[in-house]
């Protein structure tokens, strides 16, 4: 068995671009806010940012 080195693996940015090509339904706003509380409790700033943007996309300006 011969080893092929290095093995090509997709990068995180390539995976994000691939996921962004198709629309996926977002969870209900209540679930997103629950996850926002969890990320804030864990002091996960990146996760809070992602969830906050998901809430904004889900609401499409209906928050105000």
N, C-alpha and C. Protein backbone atom coordinates (compact mmCIF):
# COMPACT_ATOMS: atom_id res chain seq x y z
N UNK A 1 0.84 -1.16 0.00
CA UNK A 1 0.00 0.00 0.00
C UNK A 1 0.90 1.24 0.00
N UNK A 2 0.68 2.09 -0.95
CA UNK A 2 1.50 3.30 -1.02
C UNK A 2 0.75 4.47 -0.43
N UNK A 3 1.47 5.29 0.28
CA UNK A 3 0.85 6.47 0.90
C UNK A 3 1.01 7.66 -0.03
N UNK A 4 -0.05 8.39 -0.20
CA UNK A 4 0.00 9.62 -0.98
C UNK A 4 0.03 10.79 0.00
N UNK A 5 1.09 11.53 -0.06
CA UNK A 5 1.24 12.63 0.89
C UNK A 5 1.49 13.90 0.14
N UNK A 6 0.93 15.00 0.45
CA UNK A 6 -0.12 15.22 1.44
C UNK A 6 -1.49 14.90 0.86
N UNK A 7 -2.40 14.53 1.71
CA UNK A 7 -3.76 14.25 1.31
C UNK A 7 -4.50 15.58 1.20
N UNK A 8 -5.14 15.79 0.06
CA UNK A 8 -5.86 17.05 -0.14
C UNK A 8 -7.12 17.08 0.73
N UNK A 9 -7.25 18.14 1.51
CA UNK A 9 -8.42 18.31 2.38
C UNK A 9 -8.98 19.70 2.15
N UNK A 10 -10.30 19.83 2.14
CA UNK A 10 -10.87 21.16 1.96
C UNK A 10 -10.59 22.04 3.17
N UNK A 11 -10.39 23.29 2.92
CA UNK A 11 -10.16 24.22 4.02
C UNK A 11 -11.49 24.69 4.58
N UNK A 12 -11.43 25.35 5.71
CA UNK A 12 -12.65 25.85 6.33
C UNK A 12 -13.34 26.86 5.41
N UNK A 13 -12.57 27.73 4.79
CA UNK A 13 -13.18 28.74 3.91
C UNK A 13 -13.84 28.09 2.70
N UNK A 14 -13.24 27.04 2.16
CA UNK A 14 -13.85 26.35 1.03
C UNK A 14 -15.15 25.66 1.45
N UNK A 15 -15.18 25.11 2.65
CA UNK A 15 -16.40 24.47 3.14
C UNK A 15 -17.50 25.50 3.38
N UNK A 16 -17.13 26.67 3.88
CA UNK A 16 -18.13 27.72 4.10
C UNK A 16 -18.68 28.21 2.77
N UNK A 17 -17.81 28.40 1.78
CA UNK A 17 -18.28 28.83 0.46
C UNK A 17 -19.21 27.79 -0.15
N UNK A 18 -18.88 26.52 0.00
CA UNK A 18 -19.73 25.46 -0.55
C UNK A 18 -21.08 25.43 0.15
N UNK A 19 -21.09 25.65 1.45
CA UNK A 19 -22.36 25.65 2.19
C UNK A 19 -23.19 26.87 1.85
N UNK A 20 -22.55 27.97 1.48
CA UNK A 20 -23.26 29.18 1.14
C UNK A 20 -23.91 29.17 -0.22
N UNK A 21 -23.64 28.16 -1.02
CA UNK A 21 -24.22 28.10 -2.36
C UNK A 21 -25.68 27.68 -2.38
N UNK A 22 -26.13 27.05 -1.32
CA UNK A 22 -27.52 26.61 -1.28
C UNK A 22 -28.20 27.16 -0.04
N UNK A 23 -29.46 27.50 -0.20
CA UNK A 23 -30.22 28.06 0.93
C UNK A 23 -30.65 26.95 1.87
N UNK A 24 -30.48 27.20 3.14
CA UNK A 24 -30.92 26.24 4.16
C UNK A 24 -31.86 26.97 5.10
N UNK A 25 -32.95 26.33 5.49
CA UNK A 25 -33.87 27.00 6.42
C UNK A 25 -33.22 27.15 7.80
N UNK A 26 -33.46 28.29 8.41
CA UNK A 26 -32.92 28.54 9.74
C UNK A 26 -33.90 28.03 10.79
N UNK A 27 -33.40 27.69 11.98
CA UNK A 27 -34.29 27.26 13.07
C UNK A 27 -35.19 28.42 13.52
N UNK A 28 -36.20 28.13 14.31
CA UNK A 28 -37.07 29.20 14.82
C UNK A 28 -36.27 30.21 15.64
N UNK A 29 -36.78 31.43 15.70
CA UNK A 29 -36.09 32.51 16.41
C UNK A 29 -35.90 32.17 17.88
N UNK A 30 -36.87 31.49 18.48
CA UNK A 30 -36.76 31.13 19.89
C UNK A 30 -35.54 30.24 20.13
N UNK A 31 -35.32 29.29 19.24
CA UNK A 31 -34.16 28.40 19.37
C UNK A 31 -32.86 29.17 19.16
N UNK A 32 -32.86 30.11 18.22
CA UNK A 32 -31.66 30.91 17.99
C UNK A 32 -31.33 31.76 19.21
N UNK A 33 -32.36 32.36 19.83
CA UNK A 33 -32.11 33.16 21.03
C UNK A 33 -31.62 32.28 22.18
N UNK A 34 -32.10 31.06 22.27
CA UNK A 34 -31.62 30.14 23.31
C UNK A 34 -30.14 29.84 23.09
N UNK A 35 -29.75 29.65 21.84
CA UNK A 35 -28.34 29.41 21.54
C UNK A 35 -27.50 30.65 21.79
N UNK A 36 -28.08 31.83 21.56
CA UNK A 36 -27.36 33.07 21.85
C UNK A 36 -27.07 33.19 23.34
N UNK A 37 -28.02 32.80 24.17
CA UNK A 37 -27.81 32.82 25.63
C UNK A 37 -26.68 31.86 26.00
N UNK A 38 -26.66 30.70 25.37
CA UNK A 38 -25.62 29.70 25.67
C UNK A 38 -24.25 30.21 25.26
N UNK A 39 -24.15 30.82 24.06
CA UNK A 39 -22.85 31.32 23.61
C UNK A 39 -22.37 32.48 24.48
N UNK A 40 -23.31 33.31 24.94
CA UNK A 40 -22.91 34.39 25.84
C UNK A 40 -22.44 33.85 27.18
N UNK A 41 -23.10 32.82 27.70
CA UNK A 41 -22.68 32.22 28.97
C UNK A 41 -21.30 31.57 28.84
N UNK A 42 -21.01 31.03 27.66
CA UNK A 42 -19.71 30.40 27.43
C UNK A 42 -18.65 31.42 27.02
N UNK A 43 -19.04 32.69 26.90
CA UNK A 43 -18.16 33.77 26.47
C UNK A 43 -17.52 33.49 25.12
N UNK A 44 -18.32 32.90 24.24
CA UNK A 44 -17.88 32.58 22.88
C UNK A 44 -18.28 33.73 21.97
N UNK A 45 -17.36 34.66 21.75
CA UNK A 45 -17.68 35.85 20.97
C UNK A 45 -17.96 35.52 19.51
N UNK A 46 -17.20 34.59 18.94
CA UNK A 46 -17.41 34.21 17.54
C UNK A 46 -18.77 33.53 17.38
N UNK A 47 -19.11 32.64 18.29
CA UNK A 47 -20.41 31.97 18.23
C UNK A 47 -21.55 32.95 18.41
N UNK A 48 -21.38 33.91 19.32
CA UNK A 48 -22.42 34.93 19.52
C UNK A 48 -22.62 35.76 18.26
N UNK A 49 -21.52 36.07 17.60
CA UNK A 49 -21.60 36.83 16.36
C UNK A 49 -22.35 36.05 15.28
N UNK A 50 -22.01 34.77 15.14
CA UNK A 50 -22.68 33.93 14.13
C UNK A 50 -24.18 33.79 14.43
N UNK A 51 -24.53 33.54 15.68
CA UNK A 51 -25.93 33.38 16.05
C UNK A 51 -26.68 34.70 15.90
N UNK A 52 -26.04 35.81 16.26
CA UNK A 52 -26.66 37.11 16.09
C UNK A 52 -26.98 37.42 14.65
N UNK A 53 -26.07 37.07 13.76
CA UNK A 53 -26.33 37.28 12.34
C UNK A 53 -27.42 36.33 11.83
N UNK A 54 -27.45 35.12 12.35
CA UNK A 54 -28.51 34.18 11.96
C UNK A 54 -29.89 34.71 12.41
N UNK A 55 -29.95 35.32 13.60
CA UNK A 55 -31.21 35.90 14.07
C UNK A 55 -31.63 37.04 13.16
N UNK A 56 -30.67 37.87 12.77
CA UNK A 56 -30.99 38.99 11.88
C UNK A 56 -31.48 38.49 10.52
N UNK A 57 -30.86 37.44 9.99
CA UNK A 57 -31.30 36.88 8.70
C UNK A 57 -32.70 36.28 8.83
N UNK A 58 -32.94 35.59 9.96
CA UNK A 58 -34.24 34.93 10.16
C UNK A 58 -35.36 35.94 10.29
N UNK A 59 -35.10 37.04 10.99
CA UNK A 59 -36.14 38.03 11.24
C UNK A 59 -36.34 38.97 10.06
N UNK A 60 -35.31 39.15 9.24
CA UNK A 60 -35.37 40.02 8.06
C UNK A 60 -35.91 41.40 8.39
N UNK A 61 -35.44 41.99 9.50
CA UNK A 61 -35.83 43.35 9.86
C UNK A 61 -37.11 43.45 10.66
N UNK A 62 -37.70 42.36 11.10
CA UNK A 62 -38.96 42.40 11.86
C UNK A 62 -38.73 42.61 13.36
N UNK A 63 -37.49 42.81 13.79
CA UNK A 63 -37.23 42.95 15.22
C UNK A 63 -37.66 44.31 15.75
N UNK A 64 -37.61 45.34 14.92
CA UNK A 64 -37.94 46.69 15.41
C UNK A 64 -39.41 46.98 15.30
